[in-house]
Amino acid sequence: MSRFTYLNKVYDWFEERLEIQAIADDITSKYVPPHVNIFHCLGGITLTCFLVQVATGFAMTFYYRPTVTEAFASVQYIMTEANFGWLIRSVHRWSASMMVLMMILHVFRVYLTGGFKKPRELTWVTGVVLAVLTASFGVTGYSLPWDQIGYWAVKIVTGVPEAIPIVGSPLVELLRGSASVGQSTLTRFYSLHTFVLPLLTAVFMLMHFSMIRKQGISGPL
């Protein structure tokens, strides 16, 4: 039996059970409205930036140490000694900035073309949630090097809720993990940045794209 024949048999086995061809035909035969232009690609570019973030962020977890005594030194090690570490971290930072920019432009494009109107209200809501999650990535990631900028940034950000009556102080302590910024704060932000936020983003992206797939792209104004 030739290798080609063997692969065909394997494909036929999966095709019989999963109907792969029908799924592929549904994906490739989707009608694209004639008014769609390059500005409708901004959401896809944002997704691409997120995937780059996941890949480069995962690579850095092999070297990064989320402790107040070792975080800064581990980032220095990534930038100066780890193989291609400087490139991986730089790509992570550049794609983070690009993701925020593309997200903002995407929101403007959707708003200006009326993509939030009936029946796409829920698509807009999931998009707003994704925008908040994107901003949260920036806030939590900024603190991870635990340098002077990161430390004071997280101190200011976590201190903002203190102005809220009654629940302000408990919220601050919840964010920081204690009354002051320290190891508990860094641990919380690291967990949020590397696990909670990526998981939530993946879930809401799946919902977002499923709705777009179901309802299609909004028409021209």
N, C-alpha and C. Protein backbone atom coordinates (compact mmCIF):
# COMPACT_ATOMS: atom_id res chain seq x y z
N MET A 1 0.85 -1.20 0.00
CA MET A 1 0.00 0.00 0.00
C MET A 1 0.89 1.26 0.00
N SER A 2 0.66 2.15 -0.96
CA SER A 2 1.45 3.37 -1.03
C SER A 2 1.06 4.32 0.09
N ARG A 3 1.96 5.26 0.34
CA ARG A 3 1.71 6.24 1.40
C ARG A 3 0.48 7.09 1.07
N PHE A 4 0.32 7.44 -0.22
CA PHE A 4 -0.81 8.26 -0.64
C PHE A 4 -2.12 7.53 -0.40
N THR A 5 -2.16 6.24 -0.72
CA THR A 5 -3.37 5.44 -0.51
C THR A 5 -3.69 5.33 0.97
N TYR A 6 -2.65 5.17 1.79
CA TYR A 6 -2.85 5.07 3.24
C TYR A 6 -3.45 6.36 3.80
N LEU A 7 -2.92 7.51 3.34
CA LEU A 7 -3.44 8.79 3.80
C LEU A 7 -4.88 8.99 3.37
N ASN A 8 -5.21 8.52 2.18
CA ASN A 8 -6.59 8.61 1.70
C ASN A 8 -7.54 7.81 2.59
N LYS A 9 -7.08 6.63 2.99
CA LYS A 9 -7.91 5.79 3.86
C LYS A 9 -8.11 6.45 5.23
N VAL A 10 -7.06 7.08 5.73
CA VAL A 10 -7.16 7.79 7.01
C VAL A 10 -8.15 8.95 6.88
N TYR A 11 -8.03 9.70 5.77
CA TYR A 11 -8.94 10.82 5.55
C TYR A 11 -10.37 10.34 5.42
N ASP A 12 -10.58 9.26 4.67
CA ASP A 12 -11.93 8.71 4.49
C ASP A 12 -12.54 8.28 5.83
N TRP A 13 -11.69 7.76 6.71
CA TRP A 13 -12.17 7.32 8.02
C TRP A 13 -12.71 8.52 8.81
N PHE A 14 -11.94 9.61 8.82
CA PHE A 14 -12.39 10.82 9.52
C PHE A 14 -13.57 11.47 8.81
N GLU A 15 -13.56 11.47 7.48
CA GLU A 15 -14.64 12.07 6.70
C GLU A 15 -15.96 11.38 6.98
N GLU A 16 -15.93 10.07 7.11
CA GLU A 16 -17.15 9.30 7.35
C GLU A 16 -17.78 9.66 8.69
N ARG A 17 -16.95 10.03 9.65
CA ARG A 17 -17.45 10.29 11.00
C ARG A 17 -17.68 11.78 11.29
N LEU A 18 -16.89 12.65 10.67
CA LEU A 18 -16.95 14.08 11.01
C LEU A 18 -17.46 14.97 9.88
N GLU A 19 -17.62 14.40 8.69
CA GLU A 19 -18.07 15.18 7.52
C GLU A 19 -17.20 16.43 7.34
N ILE A 20 -15.90 16.21 7.25
CA ILE A 20 -14.94 17.30 7.13
C ILE A 20 -15.19 18.14 5.89
N GLN A 21 -15.49 17.49 4.78
CA GLN A 21 -15.69 18.22 3.53
C GLN A 21 -16.87 19.18 3.61
N ALA A 22 -17.94 18.75 4.27
CA ALA A 22 -19.12 19.62 4.42
C ALA A 22 -18.78 20.86 5.24
N ILE A 23 -17.97 20.65 6.29
CA ILE A 23 -17.55 21.79 7.12
C ILE A 23 -16.67 22.74 6.32
N ALA A 24 -15.73 22.17 5.55
CA ALA A 24 -14.84 22.99 4.73
C ALA A 24 -15.62 23.77 3.67
N ASP A 25 -16.60 23.12 3.06
CA ASP A 25 -17.42 23.79 2.04
C ASP A 25 -18.21 24.95 2.65
N ASP A 26 -18.71 24.74 3.87
CA ASP A 26 -19.48 25.79 4.54
C ASP A 26 -18.61 27.00 4.85
N ILE A 27 -17.36 26.74 5.22
CA ILE A 27 -16.44 27.83 5.56
C ILE A 27 -16.01 28.60 4.31
N THR A 28 -15.66 27.86 3.26
CA THR A 28 -15.11 28.50 2.06
C THR A 28 -16.16 29.10 1.15
N SER A 29 -17.41 28.69 1.30
CA SER A 29 -18.46 29.18 0.39
C SER A 29 -19.29 30.31 0.99
N LYS A 30 -18.86 30.83 2.14
CA LYS A 30 -19.61 31.92 2.78
C LYS A 30 -19.59 33.16 1.91
N TYR A 31 -20.75 33.75 1.70
CA TYR A 31 -20.87 34.93 0.85
C TYR A 31 -20.25 36.16 1.52
N VAL A 32 -19.41 36.87 0.78
CA VAL A 32 -18.81 38.10 1.27
C VAL A 32 -19.46 39.28 0.55
N PRO A 33 -20.12 40.18 1.29
CA PRO A 33 -20.80 41.32 0.66
C PRO A 33 -19.84 42.19 -0.15
N PRO A 34 -20.30 42.77 -1.24
CA PRO A 34 -19.41 43.58 -2.10
C PRO A 34 -18.89 44.85 -1.45
N HIS A 35 -19.56 45.34 -0.39
CA HIS A 35 -19.12 46.58 0.24
C HIS A 35 -17.97 46.37 1.22
N VAL A 36 -17.61 45.12 1.48
CA VAL A 36 -16.54 44.83 2.44
C VAL A 36 -15.20 45.32 1.88
N ASN A 37 -14.42 46.01 2.71
CA ASN A 37 -13.12 46.51 2.29
C ASN A 37 -12.06 46.22 3.35
N ILE A 38 -10.90 46.81 3.21
CA ILE A 38 -9.78 46.51 4.10
C ILE A 38 -10.08 46.88 5.55
N PHE A 39 -10.96 47.86 5.77
CA PHE A 39 -11.27 48.26 7.14
C PHE A 39 -12.08 47.20 7.89
N HIS A 40 -12.66 46.27 7.16
CA HIS A 40 -13.38 45.17 7.80
C HIS A 40 -12.42 44.07 8.28
N CYS A 41 -11.13 44.25 8.01
CA CYS A 41 -10.13 43.27 8.45
C CYS A 41 -9.54 43.62 9.81
N LEU A 42 -9.93 44.75 10.38
CA LEU A 42 -9.34 45.19 11.64
C LEU A 42 -9.58 44.21 12.78
N GLY A 43 -10.77 43.61 12.82
CA GLY A 43 -11.05 42.61 13.86
C GLY A 43 -10.17 41.38 13.71
N GLY A 44 -9.97 40.94 12.47
CA GLY A 44 -9.11 39.79 12.22
C GLY A 44 -7.67 40.07 12.58
N ILE A 45 -7.21 41.31 12.33
CA ILE A 45 -5.85 41.68 12.71
C ILE A 45 -5.71 41.68 14.23
N THR A 46 -6.74 42.13 14.92
CA THR A 46 -6.73 42.10 16.39
C THR A 46 -6.61 40.67 16.89
N LEU A 47 -7.34 39.75 16.27
CA LEU A 47 -7.25 38.33 16.63
C LEU A 47 -5.83 37.81 16.38
N THR A 48 -5.24 38.17 15.25
CA THR A 48 -3.88 37.74 14.94
C THR A 48 -2.89 38.22 16.00
N CYS A 49 -3.04 39.48 16.40
CA CYS A 49 -2.17 40.03 17.45
C CYS A 49 -2.34 39.26 18.76
N PHE A 50 -3.58 38.88 19.07
CA PHE A 50 -3.83 38.10 20.29
C PHE A 50 -3.13 36.75 20.23
N LEU A 51 -3.18 36.09 19.08
CA LEU A 51 -2.52 34.79 18.93
C LEU A 51 -1.00 34.93 19.06
N VAL A 52 -0.45 36.02 18.53
CA VAL A 52 0.98 36.29 18.70
C VAL A 52 1.31 36.50 20.17
N GLN A 53 0.41 37.20 20.88
CA GLN A 53 0.58 37.42 22.31
C GLN A 53 0.63 36.10 23.07
N VAL A 54 -0.29 35.22 22.73
CA VAL A 54 -0.35 33.92 23.41
C VAL A 54 0.94 33.14 23.19
N ALA A 55 1.41 33.10 21.95
CA ALA A 55 2.61 32.33 21.62
C ALA A 55 3.85 32.90 22.29
N THR A 56 4.06 34.20 22.17
CA THR A 56 5.25 34.82 22.76
C THR A 56 5.17 34.86 24.28
N GLY A 57 3.97 35.09 24.81
CA GLY A 57 3.80 35.09 26.26
C GLY A 57 4.09 33.73 26.87
N PHE A 58 3.60 32.67 26.19
CA PHE A 58 3.87 31.32 26.67
C PHE A 58 5.37 31.03 26.66
N ALA A 59 6.05 31.50 25.62
CA ALA A 59 7.50 31.28 25.54
C ALA A 59 8.23 31.94 26.70
N MET A 60 7.78 33.12 27.09
CA MET A 60 8.46 33.84 28.18
C MET A 60 8.21 33.23 29.55
N THR A 61 7.12 32.47 29.70
CA THR A 61 6.85 31.86 31.00
C THR A 61 7.91 30.83 31.39
N PHE A 62 8.70 30.36 30.41
CA PHE A 62 9.77 29.41 30.72
C PHE A 62 10.88 30.07 31.53
N TYR A 63 10.99 31.40 31.43
CA TYR A 63 12.09 32.10 32.09
C TYR A 63 11.62 33.11 33.14
N TYR A 64 10.42 33.63 32.99
CA TYR A 64 9.95 34.66 33.91
C TYR A 64 9.63 34.07 35.28
N ARG A 65 10.00 34.82 36.33
CA ARG A 65 9.73 34.38 37.70
C ARG A 65 8.87 35.45 38.39
N PRO A 66 7.62 35.11 38.73
CA PRO A 66 6.69 36.10 39.28
C PRO A 66 6.88 36.36 40.77
N THR A 67 8.08 36.81 41.16
CA THR A 67 8.32 37.20 42.54
C THR A 67 8.92 38.60 42.54
N VAL A 68 8.67 39.34 43.61
CA VAL A 68 9.14 40.73 43.66
C VAL A 68 10.66 40.81 43.68
N THR A 69 11.33 39.75 44.10
CA THR A 69 12.80 39.77 44.17
C THR A 69 13.45 39.28 42.88
N GLU A 70 12.72 38.52 42.07
CA GLU A 70 13.33 37.92 40.87
C GLU A 70 12.70 38.36 39.55
N ALA A 71 11.56 39.03 39.59
CA ALA A 71 10.85 39.38 38.35
C ALA A 71 11.71 40.24 37.43
N PHE A 72 12.27 41.32 37.96
CA PHE A 72 13.05 42.23 37.12
C PHE A 72 14.29 41.53 36.57
N ALA A 73 14.96 40.75 37.41
CA ALA A 73 16.16 40.04 36.97
C ALA A 73 15.83 39.01 35.90
N SER A 74 14.68 38.35 36.02
CA SER A 74 14.29 37.35 35.02
C SER A 74 13.98 38.01 33.68
N VAL A 75 13.40 39.21 33.71
CA VAL A 75 13.15 39.94 32.46
C VAL A 75 14.47 40.35 31.83
N GLN A 76 15.42 40.78 32.64
CA GLN A 76 16.75 41.12 32.13
C GLN A 76 17.41 39.90 31.50
N TYR A 77 17.24 38.74 32.13
CA TYR A 77 17.80 37.50 31.58
C TYR A 77 17.18 37.19 30.22
N ILE A 78 15.86 37.36 30.12
CA ILE A 78 15.18 37.12 28.85
C ILE A 78 15.74 38.03 27.76
N MET A 79 15.99 39.28 28.10
CA MET A 79 16.44 40.27 27.12
C MET A 79 17.91 40.13 26.75
N THR A 80 18.73 39.61 27.64
CA THR A 80 20.17 39.62 27.40
C THR A 80 20.81 38.25 27.23
N GLU A 81 20.22 37.20 27.80
CA GLU A 81 20.89 35.90 27.77
C GLU A 81 20.09 34.77 27.12
N ALA A 82 18.79 34.75 27.30
CA ALA A 82 17.97 33.67 26.71
C ALA A 82 18.02 33.76 25.18
N ASN A 83 18.11 32.61 24.53
CA ASN A 83 18.16 32.58 23.07
C ASN A 83 16.92 33.23 22.46
N PHE A 84 17.14 34.25 21.67
CA PHE A 84 16.07 35.00 21.00
C PHE A 84 15.07 35.61 22.00
N GLY A 85 15.47 35.69 23.26
CA GLY A 85 14.57 36.26 24.26
C GLY A 85 14.22 37.70 23.98
N TRP A 86 15.23 38.47 23.55
CA TRP A 86 14.99 39.89 23.23
C TRP A 86 13.97 40.03 22.11
N LEU A 87 14.05 39.12 21.13
CA LEU A 87 13.13 39.18 19.99
C LEU A 87 11.71 38.80 20.43
N ILE A 88 11.61 37.73 21.23
CA ILE A 88 10.30 37.26 21.67
C ILE A 88 9.60 38.33 22.51
N ARG A 89 10.34 38.93 23.45
CA ARG A 89 9.71 39.96 24.30
C ARG A 89 9.37 41.20 23.49
N SER A 90 10.23 41.56 22.55
CA SER A 90 9.96 42.73 21.72
C SER A 90 8.73 42.52 20.86
N VAL A 91 8.61 41.33 20.27
CA VAL A 91 7.42 41.01 19.47
C VAL A 91 6.18 41.05 20.35
N HIS A 92 6.31 40.55 21.58
CA HIS A 92 5.19 40.56 22.52
C HIS A 92 4.73 41.99 22.80
N ARG A 93 5.68 42.88 23.02
CA ARG A 93 5.34 44.27 23.31
C ARG A 93 4.77 44.98 22.08
N TRP A 94 5.38 44.76 20.93
CA TRP A 94 4.91 45.41 19.71
C TRP A 94 3.51 44.94 19.35
N SER A 95 3.29 43.64 19.44
CA SER A 95 1.97 43.11 19.09
C SER A 95 0.92 43.54 20.11
N ALA A 96 1.34 43.77 21.36
CA ALA A 96 0.40 44.28 22.37
C ALA A 96 -0.07 45.68 21.99
N SER A 97 0.88 46.53 21.60
CA SER A 97 0.52 47.88 21.17
C SER A 97 -0.35 47.84 19.92
N MET A 98 0.01 46.95 18.99
CA MET A 98 -0.76 46.82 17.76
C MET A 98 -2.17 46.31 18.04
N MET A 99 -2.30 45.39 18.99
CA MET A 99 -3.61 44.84 19.34
C MET A 99 -4.53 45.94 19.88
N VAL A 100 -3.99 46.79 20.75
CA VAL A 100 -4.80 47.88 21.30
C VAL A 100 -5.21 48.85 20.20
N LEU A 101 -4.26 49.20 19.32
CA LEU A 101 -4.56 50.13 18.23
C LEU A 101 -5.61 49.56 17.29
N MET A 102 -5.44 48.30 16.89
CA MET A 102 -6.39 47.67 15.97
C MET A 102 -7.77 47.53 16.61
N MET A 103 -7.79 47.25 17.92
CA MET A 103 -9.06 47.13 18.62
C MET A 103 -9.81 48.46 18.62
N ILE A 104 -9.09 49.55 18.88
CA ILE A 104 -9.71 50.88 18.88
C ILE A 104 -10.25 51.23 17.50
N LEU A 105 -9.45 50.99 16.47
CA LEU A 105 -9.89 51.27 15.10
C LEU A 105 -11.08 50.40 14.71
N HIS A 106 -11.07 49.15 15.17
CA HIS A 106 -12.17 48.23 14.88
C HIS A 106 -13.47 48.72 15.52
N VAL A 107 -13.38 49.18 16.76
CA VAL A 107 -14.56 49.71 17.45
C VAL A 107 -15.12 50.92 16.70
N PHE A 108 -14.23 51.83 16.28
CA PHE A 108 -14.67 53.00 15.52
C PHE A 108 -15.33 52.60 14.20
N ARG A 109 -14.73 51.63 13.52
CA ARG A 109 -15.28 51.19 12.23
C ARG A 109 -16.68 50.61 12.41
N VAL A 110 -16.85 49.76 13.42
CA VAL A 110 -18.15 49.14 13.67
C VAL A 110 -19.18 50.20 14.05
N TYR A 111 -18.77 51.15 14.89
CA TYR A 111 -19.71 52.20 15.32
C TYR A 111 -20.12 53.10 14.15
N LEU A 112 -19.15 53.50 13.36
CA LEU A 112 -19.43 54.43 12.26
C LEU A 112 -20.24 53.79 11.14
N THR A 113 -20.16 52.47 11.01
CA THR A 113 -20.93 51.78 9.96
C THR A 113 -22.21 51.16 10.51
N GLY A 114 -22.53 51.43 11.78
CA GLY A 114 -23.78 50.95 12.36
C GLY A 114 -23.83 49.46 12.61
N GLY A 115 -22.66 48.85 12.82
CA GLY A 115 -22.63 47.41 13.03
C GLY A 115 -23.17 46.96 14.37
N PHE A 116 -23.53 47.91 15.23
CA PHE A 116 -24.04 47.58 16.56
C PHE A 116 -25.57 47.52 16.61
N LYS A 117 -26.21 47.84 15.50
CA LYS A 117 -27.66 47.92 15.48
C LYS A 117 -28.30 46.54 15.37
N LYS A 118 -29.62 46.49 15.60
CA LYS A 118 -30.38 45.25 15.51
C LYS A 118 -30.12 44.58 14.17
N PRO A 119 -29.87 43.27 14.14
CA PRO A 119 -29.95 42.29 15.24
C PRO A 119 -28.58 41.95 15.83
N ARG A 120 -27.62 42.88 15.79
CA ARG A 120 -26.25 42.58 16.18
C ARG A 120 -25.87 43.21 17.53
N GLU A 121 -26.86 43.46 18.37
CA GLU A 121 -26.58 44.09 19.66
C GLU A 121 -25.66 43.22 20.53
N LEU A 122 -25.91 41.91 20.54
CA LEU A 122 -25.10 41.02 21.38
C LEU A 122 -23.67 40.91 20.85
N THR A 123 -23.51 41.00 19.54
CA THR A 123 -22.17 41.01 18.96
C THR A 123 -21.41 42.23 19.45
N TRP A 124 -22.11 43.36 19.51
CA TRP A 124 -21.50 44.60 20.02
C TRP A 124 -21.15 44.47 21.49
N VAL A 125 -22.03 43.87 22.28
CA VAL A 125 -21.78 43.70 23.71
C VAL A 125 -20.54 42.83 23.95
N THR A 126 -20.44 41.72 23.24
CA THR A 126 -19.25 40.86 23.39
C THR A 126 -18.00 41.60 22.93
N GLY A 127 -18.14 42.46 21.93
CA GLY A 127 -17.00 43.26 21.48
C GLY A 127 -16.55 44.25 22.53
N VAL A 128 -17.50 44.87 23.22
CA VAL A 128 -17.16 45.80 24.30
C VAL A 128 -16.45 45.06 25.44
N VAL A 129 -16.94 43.87 25.76
CA VAL A 129 -16.28 43.05 26.79
C VAL A 129 -14.84 42.74 26.37
N LEU A 130 -14.65 42.40 25.10
CA LEU A 130 -13.31 42.11 24.59
C LEU A 130 -12.41 43.35 24.66
N ALA A 131 -12.99 44.52 24.43
CA ALA A 131 -12.22 45.76 24.54
C ALA A 131 -11.75 45.98 25.98
N VAL A 132 -12.63 45.71 26.94
CA VAL A 132 -12.26 45.84 28.36
C VAL A 132 -11.18 44.83 28.73
N LEU A 133 -11.31 43.61 28.22
CA LEU A 133 -10.30 42.58 28.48
C LEU A 133 -8.95 42.97 27.88
N THR A 134 -8.98 43.58 26.70
CA THR A 134 -7.74 44.03 26.07
C THR A 134 -7.04 45.09 26.91
N ALA A 135 -7.82 46.04 27.43
CA ALA A 135 -7.25 47.06 28.31
C ALA A 135 -6.70 46.44 29.59
N SER A 136 -7.39 45.42 30.09
CA SER A 136 -6.94 44.72 31.30
C SER A 136 -5.62 44.00 31.07
N PHE A 137 -5.44 43.47 29.87
CA PHE A 137 -4.15 42.86 29.51
C PHE A 137 -3.03 43.88 29.67
N GLY A 138 -3.28 45.09 29.17
CA GLY A 138 -2.27 46.13 29.25
C GLY A 138 -1.92 46.50 30.68
N VAL A 139 -2.93 46.64 31.52
CA VAL A 139 -2.72 47.02 32.92
C VAL A 139 -1.95 45.95 33.67
N THR A 140 -2.36 44.70 33.51
CA THR A 140 -1.71 43.61 34.26
C THR A 140 -0.31 43.31 33.71
N GLY A 141 -0.15 43.36 32.40
CA GLY A 141 1.15 43.06 31.81
C GLY A 141 2.19 44.12 32.10
N TYR A 142 1.75 45.37 32.24
CA TYR A 142 2.66 46.48 32.49
C TYR A 142 3.42 46.32 33.80
N SER A 143 2.80 45.64 34.75
CA SER A 143 3.41 45.53 36.08
C SER A 143 4.36 44.34 36.21
N LEU A 144 4.31 43.40 35.29
CA LEU A 144 5.05 42.15 35.46
C LEU A 144 6.57 42.30 35.52
N PRO A 145 7.20 43.24 34.79
CA PRO A 145 8.65 43.40 34.96
C PRO A 145 9.04 43.85 36.37
N TRP A 146 8.07 44.41 37.09
CA TRP A 146 8.25 44.88 38.46
C TRP A 146 9.44 45.85 38.58
N ASP A 147 9.52 46.77 37.62
CA ASP A 147 10.47 47.86 37.70
C ASP A 147 9.76 49.06 38.33
N GLN A 148 10.42 50.21 38.35
CA GLN A 148 9.82 51.39 38.97
C GLN A 148 8.52 51.81 38.28
N ILE A 149 8.53 51.76 36.95
CA ILE A 149 7.33 52.14 36.20
C ILE A 149 6.19 51.17 36.51
N GLY A 150 6.49 49.87 36.46
CA GLY A 150 5.46 48.86 36.71
C GLY A 150 4.91 48.93 38.12
N TYR A 151 5.80 49.13 39.10
CA TYR A 151 5.38 49.17 40.50
C TYR A 151 4.44 50.34 40.75
N TRP A 152 4.85 51.53 40.31
CA TRP A 152 4.03 52.71 40.58
C TRP A 152 2.75 52.72 39.75
N ALA A 153 2.81 52.12 38.58
CA ALA A 153 1.60 52.01 37.75
C ALA A 153 0.55 51.16 38.45
N VAL A 154 0.98 50.01 38.98
CA VAL A 154 0.03 49.12 39.64
C VAL A 154 -0.45 49.73 40.95
N LYS A 155 0.41 50.49 41.60
CA LYS A 155 0.00 51.15 42.85
C LYS A 155 -1.10 52.18 42.58
N ILE A 156 -0.94 52.94 41.50
CA ILE A 156 -1.94 53.96 41.15
C ILE A 156 -3.24 53.31 40.69
N VAL A 157 -3.12 52.32 39.80
CA VAL A 157 -4.31 51.67 39.24
C VAL A 157 -5.13 50.98 40.33
N THR A 158 -4.46 50.26 41.20
CA THR A 158 -5.19 49.55 42.25
C THR A 158 -5.73 50.49 43.32
N GLY A 159 -5.20 51.71 43.36
CA GLY A 159 -5.69 52.68 44.35
C GLY A 159 -6.90 53.46 43.89
N VAL A 160 -7.22 53.39 42.61
CA VAL A 160 -8.36 54.14 42.06
C VAL A 160 -9.68 53.77 42.73
N PRO A 161 -9.99 52.47 42.94
CA PRO A 161 -11.29 52.12 43.54
C PRO A 161 -11.50 52.63 44.96
N GLU A 162 -10.42 53.10 45.60
CA GLU A 162 -10.55 53.56 46.99
C GLU A 162 -11.50 54.75 47.11
N ALA A 163 -11.71 55.47 46.02
CA ALA A 163 -12.61 56.63 46.05
C ALA A 163 -14.08 56.22 46.07
N ILE A 164 -14.37 54.95 45.83
CA ILE A 164 -15.75 54.47 45.83
C ILE A 164 -16.23 54.34 47.28
N PRO A 165 -17.35 54.93 47.63
CA PRO A 165 -17.85 54.84 49.01
C PRO A 165 -18.12 53.40 49.44
N ILE A 166 -17.87 53.10 50.67
CA ILE A 166 -18.18 51.83 51.35
C ILE A 166 -17.32 50.67 50.84
N VAL A 167 -17.41 50.36 49.54
CA VAL A 167 -16.73 49.17 49.01
C VAL A 167 -15.34 49.48 48.49
N GLY A 168 -14.92 50.75 48.52
CA GLY A 168 -13.65 51.14 47.94
C GLY A 168 -12.45 50.43 48.54
N SER A 169 -12.33 50.51 49.86
CA SER A 169 -11.18 49.90 50.54
C SER A 169 -11.13 48.38 50.37
N PRO A 170 -12.27 47.66 50.53
CA PRO A 170 -12.23 46.21 50.28
C PRO A 170 -11.82 45.86 48.85
N LEU A 171 -12.23 46.68 47.88
CA LEU A 171 -11.85 46.43 46.49
C LEU A 171 -10.35 46.59 46.29
N VAL A 172 -9.79 47.61 46.90
CA VAL A 172 -8.35 47.84 46.81
C VAL A 172 -7.59 46.66 47.40
N GLU A 173 -8.04 46.19 48.55
CA GLU A 173 -7.38 45.05 49.20
C GLU A 173 -7.55 43.78 48.39
N LEU A 174 -8.69 43.64 47.72
CA LEU A 174 -8.92 42.48 46.86
C LEU A 174 -7.96 42.48 45.67
N LEU A 175 -7.77 43.65 45.08
CA LEU A 175 -6.87 43.76 43.93
C LEU A 175 -5.41 43.55 44.33
N ARG A 176 -5.04 44.12 45.46
CA ARG A 176 -3.64 44.05 45.88
C ARG A 176 -3.30 42.78 46.63
N GLY A 177 -4.30 42.14 47.21
CA GLY A 177 -4.03 40.95 48.00
C GLY A 177 -3.64 41.27 49.43
N SER A 178 -3.46 42.54 49.71
CA SER A 178 -3.13 43.01 51.06
C SER A 178 -3.37 44.52 51.08
N ALA A 179 -3.02 45.15 52.19
CA ALA A 179 -3.25 46.59 52.30
C ALA A 179 -2.30 47.39 51.41
N SER A 180 -1.14 46.81 51.10
CA SER A 180 -0.15 47.51 50.28
C SER A 180 0.24 46.66 49.08
N VAL A 181 0.91 47.29 48.13
CA VAL A 181 1.36 46.59 46.93
C VAL A 181 2.58 45.75 47.27
N GLY A 182 2.55 44.48 46.88
CA GLY A 182 3.67 43.59 47.18
C GLY A 182 3.57 42.29 46.41
N GLN A 183 4.10 41.22 47.01
CA GLN A 183 4.13 39.92 46.35
C GLN A 183 2.74 39.42 45.99
N SER A 184 1.78 39.61 46.87
CA SER A 184 0.42 39.15 46.59
C SER A 184 -0.15 39.86 45.36
N THR A 185 0.18 41.13 45.21
CA THR A 185 -0.30 41.89 44.06
C THR A 185 0.29 41.35 42.77
N LEU A 186 1.60 41.12 42.77
CA LEU A 186 2.26 40.59 41.58
C LEU A 186 1.72 39.21 41.22
N THR A 187 1.49 38.38 42.22
CA THR A 187 0.94 37.05 41.97
C THR A 187 -0.44 37.14 41.34
N ARG A 188 -1.27 38.03 41.86
CA ARG A 188 -2.62 38.22 41.30
C ARG A 188 -2.56 38.70 39.85
N PHE A 189 -1.73 39.69 39.60
CA PHE A 189 -1.64 40.24 38.25
C PHE A 189 -1.05 39.22 37.27
N TYR A 190 -0.10 38.44 37.74
CA TYR A 190 0.48 37.40 36.88
C TYR A 190 -0.57 36.34 36.53
N SER A 191 -1.35 35.92 37.52
CA SER A 191 -2.41 34.93 37.28
C SER A 191 -3.46 35.47 36.32
N LEU A 192 -3.84 36.73 36.53
CA LEU A 192 -4.82 37.36 35.64
C LEU A 192 -4.29 37.44 34.22
N HIS A 193 -3.03 37.87 34.09
CA HIS A 193 -2.46 38.12 32.77
C HIS A 193 -2.21 36.85 31.97
N THR A 194 -1.83 35.78 32.65
CA THR A 194 -1.43 34.56 31.94
C THR A 194 -2.49 33.47 31.90
N PHE A 195 -3.53 33.58 32.73
CA PHE A 195 -4.53 32.52 32.75
C PHE A 195 -5.96 33.04 32.63
N VAL A 196 -6.37 33.89 33.55
CA VAL A 196 -7.77 34.33 33.60
C VAL A 196 -8.15 35.13 32.36
N LEU A 197 -7.38 36.17 32.05
CA LEU A 197 -7.72 37.03 30.91
C LEU A 197 -7.63 36.30 29.57
N PRO A 198 -6.58 35.50 29.31
CA PRO A 198 -6.57 34.75 28.04
C PRO A 198 -7.75 33.80 27.89
N LEU A 199 -8.13 33.15 28.99
CA LEU A 199 -9.26 32.22 28.93
C LEU A 199 -10.56 32.96 28.63
N LEU A 200 -10.79 34.06 29.34
CA LEU A 200 -12.00 34.85 29.10
C LEU A 200 -12.01 35.42 27.68
N THR A 201 -10.86 35.88 27.23
CA THR A 201 -10.76 36.43 25.87
C THR A 201 -11.08 35.38 24.83
N ALA A 202 -10.55 34.18 25.00
CA ALA A 202 -10.82 33.10 24.05
C ALA A 202 -12.30 32.76 24.01
N VAL A 203 -12.94 32.72 25.18
CA VAL A 203 -14.37 32.41 25.25
C VAL A 203 -15.20 33.48 24.55
N PHE A 204 -14.92 34.75 24.86
CA PHE A 204 -15.70 35.83 24.25
C PHE A 204 -15.39 36.00 22.77
N MET A 205 -14.17 35.69 22.36
CA MET A 205 -13.86 35.72 20.92
C MET A 205 -14.64 34.65 20.18
N LEU A 206 -14.74 33.48 20.78
CA LEU A 206 -15.52 32.40 20.16
C LEU A 206 -16.97 32.82 20.02
N MET A 207 -17.53 33.43 21.06
CA MET A 207 -18.91 33.92 21.00
C MET A 207 -19.04 35.01 19.93
N HIS A 208 -18.09 35.93 19.92
CA HIS A 208 -18.11 37.06 19.00
C HIS A 208 -18.09 36.59 17.54
N PHE A 209 -17.17 35.70 17.23
CA PHE A 209 -17.04 35.22 15.85
C PHE A 209 -18.20 34.31 15.46
N SER A 210 -18.73 33.57 16.42
CA SER A 210 -19.89 32.72 16.13
C SER A 210 -21.09 33.57 15.73
N MET A 211 -21.28 34.69 16.44
CA MET A 211 -22.39 35.58 16.11
C MET A 211 -22.20 36.22 14.74
N ILE A 212 -20.96 36.63 14.45
CA ILE A 212 -20.68 37.21 13.13
C ILE A 212 -20.92 36.19 12.04
N ARG A 213 -20.51 34.96 12.32
CA ARG A 213 -20.70 33.88 11.35
C ARG A 213 -22.18 33.63 11.10
N LYS A 214 -22.97 33.70 12.15
CA LYS A 214 -24.40 33.43 12.05
C LYS A 214 -25.14 34.57 11.37
N GLN A 215 -24.84 35.81 11.76
CA GLN A 215 -25.59 36.97 11.28
C GLN A 215 -24.99 37.64 10.06
N GLY A 216 -23.72 37.34 9.79
CA GLY A 216 -23.06 37.97 8.66
C GLY A 216 -22.59 39.37 8.98
N ILE A 217 -21.89 39.98 8.02
CA ILE A 217 -21.37 41.33 8.18
C ILE A 217 -22.47 42.33 7.90
N SER A 218 -22.53 43.38 8.71
CA SER A 218 -23.58 44.39 8.53
C SER A 218 -23.44 45.07 7.18
N GLY A 219 -24.57 45.53 6.65
CA GLY A 219 -24.59 46.17 5.35
C GLY A 219 -24.06 47.59 5.39
N PRO A 220 -23.91 48.23 4.23
CA PRO A 220 -23.43 49.61 4.18
C PRO A 220 -24.48 50.57 4.74
N LEU A 221 -24.04 51.76 5.13
CA LEU A 221 -24.96 52.76 5.66
C LEU A 221 -25.93 53.23 4.58
